[in-house]
N, C-alpha and C. Protein backbone atom coordinates (compact mmCIF):
# COMPACT_ATOMS: atom_id res chain seq x y z
N UNK A 1 124.62 110.03 59.05
CA UNK A 1 125.93 110.66 59.20
C UNK A 1 126.96 109.77 58.51
N UNK A 2 127.78 110.36 57.68
CA UNK A 2 128.86 109.67 57.00
C UNK A 2 130.11 109.72 57.89
N UNK A 3 130.62 108.57 58.26
CA UNK A 3 131.81 108.52 59.12
C UNK A 3 133.07 108.56 58.28
N UNK A 4 134.05 109.33 58.73
CA UNK A 4 135.34 109.33 58.04
C UNK A 4 136.34 108.50 58.87
N UNK A 5 137.56 108.47 58.41
CA UNK A 5 138.60 107.66 59.06
C UNK A 5 138.83 108.09 60.51
N UNK A 6 138.78 109.39 60.76
CA UNK A 6 138.99 109.89 62.12
C UNK A 6 137.84 109.46 63.04
N UNK A 7 136.60 109.57 62.54
CA UNK A 7 135.45 109.12 63.34
C UNK A 7 135.60 107.64 63.69
N UNK A 8 135.99 106.84 62.71
CA UNK A 8 136.15 105.39 62.94
C UNK A 8 137.27 105.12 63.95
N UNK A 9 138.34 105.92 63.90
CA UNK A 9 139.44 105.76 64.86
C UNK A 9 138.96 106.13 66.28
N UNK A 10 138.13 107.16 66.38
CA UNK A 10 137.57 107.54 67.68
C UNK A 10 136.69 106.42 68.21
N UNK A 11 135.84 105.85 67.36
CA UNK A 11 134.99 104.74 67.78
C UNK A 11 135.83 103.54 68.24
N UNK A 12 136.90 103.25 67.52
CA UNK A 12 137.78 102.13 67.91
C UNK A 12 138.40 102.39 69.28
N UNK A 13 138.83 103.63 69.51
CA UNK A 13 139.42 103.97 70.81
C UNK A 13 138.38 103.84 71.92
N UNK A 14 137.15 104.26 71.66
CA UNK A 14 136.09 104.14 72.67
C UNK A 14 135.71 102.69 72.91
N UNK A 15 135.76 101.85 71.87
CA UNK A 15 135.46 100.42 72.06
C UNK A 15 136.51 99.77 72.95
N UNK A 16 137.76 100.20 72.78
CA UNK A 16 138.82 99.64 73.62
C UNK A 16 138.70 100.12 75.07
N UNK A 17 138.29 101.38 75.25
CA UNK A 17 138.18 101.94 76.60
C UNK A 17 137.12 103.03 76.60
N UNK A 18 135.91 102.65 76.96
CA UNK A 18 134.80 103.59 76.99
C UNK A 18 134.94 104.65 78.06
N UNK A 19 135.89 104.47 78.96
CA UNK A 19 136.11 105.46 80.02
C UNK A 19 137.26 106.41 79.69
N UNK A 20 137.85 106.27 78.50
CA UNK A 20 138.97 107.13 78.13
C UNK A 20 138.50 108.59 78.08
N UNK A 21 139.38 109.47 78.48
CA UNK A 21 139.04 110.90 78.44
C UNK A 21 139.10 111.39 77.00
N UNK A 22 138.44 112.50 76.75
CA UNK A 22 138.48 113.11 75.42
C UNK A 22 139.93 113.47 75.07
N UNK A 23 140.68 113.91 76.05
CA UNK A 23 142.10 114.25 75.81
C UNK A 23 142.88 113.04 75.35
N UNK A 24 142.66 111.90 76.01
CA UNK A 24 143.35 110.67 75.62
C UNK A 24 142.95 110.23 74.22
N UNK A 25 141.66 110.31 73.93
CA UNK A 25 141.18 109.92 72.60
C UNK A 25 141.78 110.83 71.54
N UNK A 26 141.78 112.14 71.80
CA UNK A 26 142.35 113.10 70.85
C UNK A 26 143.82 112.78 70.57
N UNK A 27 144.58 112.47 71.61
CA UNK A 27 146.00 112.14 71.43
C UNK A 27 146.17 110.87 70.60
N UNK A 28 145.32 109.87 70.86
CA UNK A 28 145.44 108.60 70.14
C UNK A 28 145.13 108.74 68.65
N UNK A 29 144.16 109.59 68.32
CA UNK A 29 143.77 109.71 66.91
C UNK A 29 144.38 110.95 66.25
N UNK A 30 145.20 111.68 67.02
CA UNK A 30 145.96 112.82 66.51
C UNK A 30 145.07 113.95 65.97
N UNK A 31 144.10 114.35 66.81
CA UNK A 31 143.29 115.53 66.53
C UNK A 31 143.25 116.37 67.80
N UNK A 32 142.78 117.59 67.68
CA UNK A 32 142.69 118.44 68.87
C UNK A 32 141.60 117.91 69.81
N UNK A 33 141.70 118.32 71.07
CA UNK A 33 140.69 117.93 72.04
C UNK A 33 139.32 118.44 71.61
N UNK A 34 139.25 119.68 71.13
CA UNK A 34 137.98 120.27 70.70
C UNK A 34 137.38 119.47 69.54
N UNK A 35 138.22 119.06 68.60
CA UNK A 35 137.74 118.28 67.46
C UNK A 35 137.22 116.92 67.92
N UNK A 36 137.96 116.26 68.81
CA UNK A 36 137.53 114.94 69.32
C UNK A 36 136.20 115.08 70.06
N UNK A 37 136.09 116.13 70.88
CA UNK A 37 134.85 116.35 71.63
C UNK A 37 133.68 116.58 70.67
N UNK A 38 133.88 117.43 69.68
CA UNK A 38 132.81 117.74 68.72
C UNK A 38 132.40 116.50 67.94
N UNK A 39 133.35 115.68 67.56
CA UNK A 39 133.03 114.47 66.80
C UNK A 39 132.26 113.46 67.66
N UNK A 40 132.68 113.27 68.90
CA UNK A 40 131.97 112.35 69.80
C UNK A 40 130.55 112.87 70.03
N UNK A 41 130.43 114.15 70.28
CA UNK A 41 129.11 114.75 70.51
C UNK A 41 128.21 114.57 69.29
N UNK A 42 128.74 114.80 68.10
CA UNK A 42 127.95 114.64 66.87
C UNK A 42 127.53 113.18 66.70
N UNK A 43 128.43 112.24 67.00
CA UNK A 43 128.08 110.83 66.87
C UNK A 43 127.02 110.43 67.91
N UNK A 44 127.06 111.05 69.09
CA UNK A 44 126.00 110.81 70.09
C UNK A 44 124.67 111.40 69.60
N UNK A 45 124.71 112.63 69.13
CA UNK A 45 123.50 113.33 68.71
C UNK A 45 122.81 112.65 67.53
N UNK A 46 123.59 112.06 66.63
CA UNK A 46 123.02 111.41 65.44
C UNK A 46 122.68 109.94 65.69
N UNK A 47 123.02 109.41 66.87
CA UNK A 47 122.68 108.03 67.20
C UNK A 47 123.73 107.01 66.80
N UNK A 48 124.85 107.45 66.23
CA UNK A 48 125.93 106.50 65.93
C UNK A 48 126.42 105.89 67.24
N UNK A 49 126.64 106.74 68.23
CA UNK A 49 126.97 106.28 69.59
C UNK A 49 125.67 106.31 70.37
N UNK A 50 125.23 105.12 70.79
CA UNK A 50 123.94 105.02 71.50
C UNK A 50 124.11 105.04 73.00
N UNK A 51 125.32 105.01 73.48
CA UNK A 51 125.56 105.03 74.92
C UNK A 51 126.88 104.37 75.24
N UNK A 52 127.21 104.36 76.50
CA UNK A 52 128.44 103.74 76.97
C UNK A 52 128.05 102.66 77.96
N UNK A 53 128.76 101.57 77.93
CA UNK A 53 128.38 100.43 78.75
C UNK A 53 129.60 99.71 79.29
N UNK A 54 129.36 98.73 80.11
CA UNK A 54 130.41 97.90 80.68
C UNK A 54 130.31 96.51 80.08
N UNK A 55 131.43 95.97 79.61
CA UNK A 55 131.46 94.58 79.15
C UNK A 55 131.95 93.73 80.32
N UNK A 56 131.28 92.62 80.54
CA UNK A 56 131.67 91.75 81.65
C UNK A 56 131.97 90.36 81.12
N UNK A 57 132.65 89.59 81.93
CA UNK A 57 132.83 88.18 81.66
C UNK A 57 131.62 87.48 82.25
N UNK A 58 130.77 86.85 81.42
CA UNK A 58 129.53 86.28 81.95
C UNK A 58 129.77 85.22 83.03
N UNK A 59 130.80 84.42 82.89
CA UNK A 59 131.06 83.37 83.88
C UNK A 59 131.46 83.99 85.22
N UNK A 60 132.35 84.98 85.18
CA UNK A 60 132.76 85.65 86.42
C UNK A 60 131.60 86.43 87.03
N UNK A 61 130.63 86.80 86.19
CA UNK A 61 129.43 87.50 86.67
C UNK A 61 128.43 86.52 87.29
N UNK A 62 128.70 85.22 87.15
CA UNK A 62 127.81 84.21 87.72
C UNK A 62 126.83 83.62 86.72
N UNK A 63 127.03 83.90 85.43
CA UNK A 63 126.16 83.37 84.38
C UNK A 63 126.90 82.22 83.69
N UNK A 64 126.71 81.01 84.21
CA UNK A 64 127.49 79.86 83.79
C UNK A 64 126.89 79.09 82.62
N UNK A 65 125.69 79.45 82.18
CA UNK A 65 125.04 78.76 81.06
C UNK A 65 124.59 79.79 80.03
N UNK A 66 125.02 79.60 78.80
CA UNK A 66 124.64 80.49 77.71
C UNK A 66 124.16 79.66 76.54
N UNK A 67 123.25 80.25 75.77
CA UNK A 67 122.74 79.57 74.58
C UNK A 67 122.23 80.61 73.59
N UNK A 68 122.31 80.23 72.33
CA UNK A 68 121.59 80.97 71.30
C UNK A 68 120.29 80.23 71.11
N UNK A 69 119.20 80.98 71.09
CA UNK A 69 117.89 80.37 70.95
C UNK A 69 117.23 80.96 69.70
N UNK A 70 116.97 80.07 68.72
CA UNK A 70 116.26 80.48 67.52
C UNK A 70 114.77 80.36 67.74
N UNK A 71 114.03 81.39 67.35
CA UNK A 71 112.59 81.38 67.51
C UNK A 71 111.92 81.44 66.14
N UNK A 72 110.88 80.65 65.96
CA UNK A 72 109.95 80.84 64.86
C UNK A 72 108.72 81.45 65.49
N UNK A 73 108.26 82.55 64.90
CA UNK A 73 107.21 83.34 65.55
C UNK A 73 106.10 83.70 64.57
N UNK A 74 105.00 84.13 65.15
CA UNK A 74 103.90 84.70 64.36
C UNK A 74 104.33 86.12 63.98
N UNK A 75 104.61 86.32 62.71
CA UNK A 75 105.15 87.61 62.25
C UNK A 75 104.25 88.79 62.62
N UNK A 76 102.95 88.60 62.57
CA UNK A 76 102.02 89.70 62.85
C UNK A 76 102.13 90.19 64.29
N UNK A 77 102.67 89.36 65.18
CA UNK A 77 102.77 89.71 66.60
C UNK A 77 104.17 90.21 66.98
N UNK A 78 104.96 90.60 65.99
CA UNK A 78 106.36 90.97 66.24
C UNK A 78 106.50 92.09 67.27
N UNK A 79 105.69 93.15 67.18
CA UNK A 79 105.85 94.28 68.11
C UNK A 79 105.63 93.86 69.56
N UNK A 80 104.60 93.07 69.81
CA UNK A 80 104.34 92.59 71.17
C UNK A 80 105.45 91.66 71.63
N UNK A 81 105.89 90.78 70.74
CA UNK A 81 106.98 89.85 71.07
C UNK A 81 108.24 90.64 71.43
N UNK A 82 108.57 91.61 70.61
CA UNK A 82 109.77 92.43 70.85
C UNK A 82 109.71 93.06 72.24
N UNK A 83 108.57 93.62 72.59
CA UNK A 83 108.41 94.26 73.89
C UNK A 83 108.56 93.24 75.02
N UNK A 84 107.99 92.06 74.85
CA UNK A 84 108.09 91.02 75.90
C UNK A 84 109.52 90.53 76.07
N UNK A 85 110.25 90.40 74.96
CA UNK A 85 111.64 89.94 75.05
C UNK A 85 112.51 90.93 75.83
N UNK A 86 112.21 92.22 75.70
CA UNK A 86 113.01 93.22 76.43
C UNK A 86 112.81 93.13 77.93
N UNK A 87 111.75 92.47 78.37
CA UNK A 87 111.48 92.34 79.81
C UNK A 87 112.09 91.07 80.42
N UNK A 88 112.73 90.24 79.62
CA UNK A 88 113.36 89.02 80.15
C UNK A 88 114.84 89.33 80.37
N UNK A 89 115.27 89.44 81.62
CA UNK A 89 116.65 89.89 81.89
C UNK A 89 117.72 88.93 81.36
N UNK A 90 117.39 87.68 81.18
CA UNK A 90 118.38 86.71 80.69
C UNK A 90 118.63 86.86 79.19
N UNK A 91 117.77 87.56 78.48
CA UNK A 91 117.98 87.79 77.05
C UNK A 91 118.95 88.96 76.90
N UNK A 92 120.15 88.66 76.45
CA UNK A 92 121.21 89.67 76.34
C UNK A 92 121.30 90.30 74.96
N UNK A 93 120.74 89.63 73.96
CA UNK A 93 120.73 90.18 72.61
C UNK A 93 119.60 89.50 71.85
N UNK A 94 118.94 90.28 71.00
CA UNK A 94 117.88 89.74 70.15
C UNK A 94 118.03 90.34 68.77
N UNK A 95 117.83 89.51 67.73
CA UNK A 95 117.93 90.00 66.36
C UNK A 95 116.80 89.40 65.53
N UNK A 96 116.16 90.23 64.74
CA UNK A 96 115.16 89.79 63.78
C UNK A 96 115.92 89.35 62.54
N UNK A 97 115.63 88.14 62.05
CA UNK A 97 116.41 87.55 60.98
C UNK A 97 115.57 87.21 59.75
N UNK A 98 116.27 86.97 58.67
CA UNK A 98 115.71 86.29 57.52
C UNK A 98 116.44 84.96 57.45
N UNK A 99 115.74 83.87 57.23
CA UNK A 99 116.41 82.57 57.17
C UNK A 99 115.61 81.53 57.91
N UNK A 100 116.30 80.56 58.49
CA UNK A 100 115.64 79.44 59.17
C UNK A 100 114.86 79.86 60.41
N UNK A 101 115.30 80.93 61.07
CA UNK A 101 114.62 81.43 62.26
C UNK A 101 114.18 82.86 62.02
N UNK A 102 113.12 83.24 62.70
CA UNK A 102 112.65 84.62 62.62
C UNK A 102 113.41 85.53 63.58
N UNK A 103 113.77 84.98 64.74
CA UNK A 103 114.46 85.74 65.79
C UNK A 103 115.56 84.86 66.36
N UNK A 104 116.71 85.47 66.65
CA UNK A 104 117.79 84.76 67.33
C UNK A 104 118.11 85.52 68.60
N UNK A 105 118.16 84.79 69.71
CA UNK A 105 118.43 85.38 71.03
C UNK A 105 119.73 84.84 71.60
N UNK A 106 120.45 85.68 72.32
CA UNK A 106 121.54 85.22 73.17
C UNK A 106 120.99 85.25 74.58
N UNK A 107 120.92 84.07 75.19
CA UNK A 107 120.38 83.93 76.54
C UNK A 107 121.51 83.53 77.47
N UNK A 108 121.66 84.24 78.58
CA UNK A 108 122.67 83.92 79.59
C UNK A 108 121.95 83.71 80.92
N UNK A 109 122.25 82.57 81.57
CA UNK A 109 121.56 82.20 82.80
C UNK A 109 122.57 81.71 83.83
N UNK A 110 122.08 81.59 85.08
CA UNK A 110 122.96 81.16 86.18
C UNK A 110 123.52 79.76 85.96
N UNK A 111 122.67 78.85 85.49
CA UNK A 111 123.08 77.46 85.30
C UNK A 111 122.13 76.82 84.30
N UNK A 112 122.32 75.53 84.03
CA UNK A 112 121.49 74.86 83.02
C UNK A 112 120.02 74.79 83.44
N UNK A 113 119.76 74.66 84.72
CA UNK A 113 118.37 74.62 85.20
C UNK A 113 117.69 75.97 84.94
N UNK A 114 118.42 77.05 85.21
CA UNK A 114 117.87 78.38 84.97
C UNK A 114 117.68 78.63 83.47
N UNK A 115 118.62 78.16 82.66
CA UNK A 115 118.49 78.28 81.21
C UNK A 115 117.25 77.52 80.72
N UNK A 116 117.05 76.33 81.24
CA UNK A 116 115.86 75.53 80.89
C UNK A 116 114.59 76.30 81.25
N UNK A 117 114.57 76.92 82.42
CA UNK A 117 113.41 77.71 82.85
C UNK A 117 113.11 78.84 81.87
N UNK A 118 114.16 79.55 81.47
CA UNK A 118 113.96 80.67 80.55
C UNK A 118 113.36 80.19 79.24
N UNK A 119 113.91 79.13 78.68
CA UNK A 119 113.44 78.63 77.38
C UNK A 119 112.04 78.03 77.49
N UNK A 120 111.84 77.14 78.45
CA UNK A 120 110.57 76.41 78.51
C UNK A 120 109.44 77.19 79.18
N UNK A 121 109.76 77.99 80.18
CA UNK A 121 108.71 78.68 80.92
C UNK A 121 108.51 80.14 80.51
N UNK A 122 109.56 80.78 80.04
CA UNK A 122 109.42 82.20 79.66
C UNK A 122 109.20 82.34 78.15
N UNK A 123 110.15 81.83 77.35
CA UNK A 123 110.06 82.03 75.91
C UNK A 123 108.91 81.25 75.29
N UNK A 124 108.80 79.99 75.63
CA UNK A 124 107.74 79.18 75.01
C UNK A 124 106.35 79.54 75.52
N UNK A 125 106.27 80.32 76.59
CA UNK A 125 104.98 80.76 77.11
C UNK A 125 104.45 81.99 76.36
N UNK A 126 105.28 82.62 75.55
CA UNK A 126 104.85 83.79 74.79
C UNK A 126 103.98 83.30 73.62
N UNK A 127 102.75 83.79 73.52
CA UNK A 127 101.83 83.29 72.49
C UNK A 127 102.36 83.39 71.06
N UNK A 128 103.16 84.40 70.76
CA UNK A 128 103.67 84.59 69.39
C UNK A 128 104.75 83.58 69.01
N UNK A 129 105.33 82.89 69.99
CA UNK A 129 106.42 81.94 69.72
C UNK A 129 105.82 80.60 69.31
N UNK A 130 106.08 80.22 68.06
CA UNK A 130 105.59 78.93 67.55
C UNK A 130 106.53 77.79 67.94
N UNK A 131 107.84 78.03 67.87
CA UNK A 131 108.80 76.99 68.23
C UNK A 131 110.14 77.63 68.59
N UNK A 132 110.96 76.86 69.30
CA UNK A 132 112.30 77.31 69.66
C UNK A 132 113.30 76.20 69.32
N UNK A 133 114.53 76.62 69.13
CA UNK A 133 115.62 75.66 68.98
C UNK A 133 116.82 76.26 69.70
N UNK A 134 117.39 75.48 70.61
CA UNK A 134 118.43 75.98 71.51
C UNK A 134 119.79 75.42 71.13
N UNK A 135 120.78 76.31 71.07
CA UNK A 135 122.17 75.94 70.77
C UNK A 135 123.02 76.35 71.97
N UNK A 136 123.52 75.36 72.70
CA UNK A 136 124.30 75.62 73.91
C UNK A 136 125.67 76.19 73.54
N UNK A 137 126.11 77.20 74.27
CA UNK A 137 127.44 77.79 74.08
C UNK A 137 128.39 77.08 75.04
N UNK A 138 129.44 76.47 74.49
CA UNK A 138 130.46 75.84 75.33
C UNK A 138 131.51 76.85 75.78
N UNK A 139 131.82 77.80 74.92
CA UNK A 139 132.85 78.78 75.25
C UNK A 139 132.64 80.02 74.39
N UNK A 140 132.78 81.20 75.00
CA UNK A 140 132.74 82.45 74.24
C UNK A 140 134.13 82.73 73.70
N UNK A 141 134.23 83.11 72.45
CA UNK A 141 135.51 83.41 71.82
C UNK A 141 135.62 84.93 71.70
N UNK A 142 136.64 85.52 72.30
CA UNK A 142 136.80 86.98 72.22
C UNK A 142 136.97 87.43 70.77
N UNK A 143 136.39 88.59 70.46
CA UNK A 143 136.53 89.18 69.13
C UNK A 143 137.20 90.52 69.26
N UNK A 144 137.36 91.21 68.14
CA UNK A 144 137.99 92.53 68.16
C UNK A 144 137.22 93.47 69.08
N UNK A 145 135.90 93.37 69.09
CA UNK A 145 135.09 94.24 69.94
C UNK A 145 135.36 94.00 71.42
N UNK A 146 135.88 92.82 71.76
CA UNK A 146 136.18 92.50 73.16
C UNK A 146 137.58 92.92 73.57
N UNK A 147 138.39 93.33 72.60
CA UNK A 147 139.80 93.64 72.90
C UNK A 147 139.93 94.89 73.73
């Protein structure tokens, strides 16, 4: 699906407030309610919009330790690894990369002890993981997507 300026404006409005009504979105982007509804529905149907979610502050949620964890993995085992990573609740994001690491994870845990457990006992226990390298997050910096 090719997005136009109006579609992008609708997406921006939804990023700011995923609970906004179609009427509010239509008013913000200056289209009719029917047009805004049809565009949102089309973006859902084509997979541009994959769902609606809640953004939280990890620290206020009780997740006081965060890290990016780079993995070097056995490439042939990627599908099994991918499935196993989705079952680890502390893994908040995973990306397959080209570069120094094969996979980069955002891991959020209750504290440093829990973070250590995830890296040493969960991630390094996966047979496809050859090595890990952990980068501790001192502070999350808000971006436009967080606004």
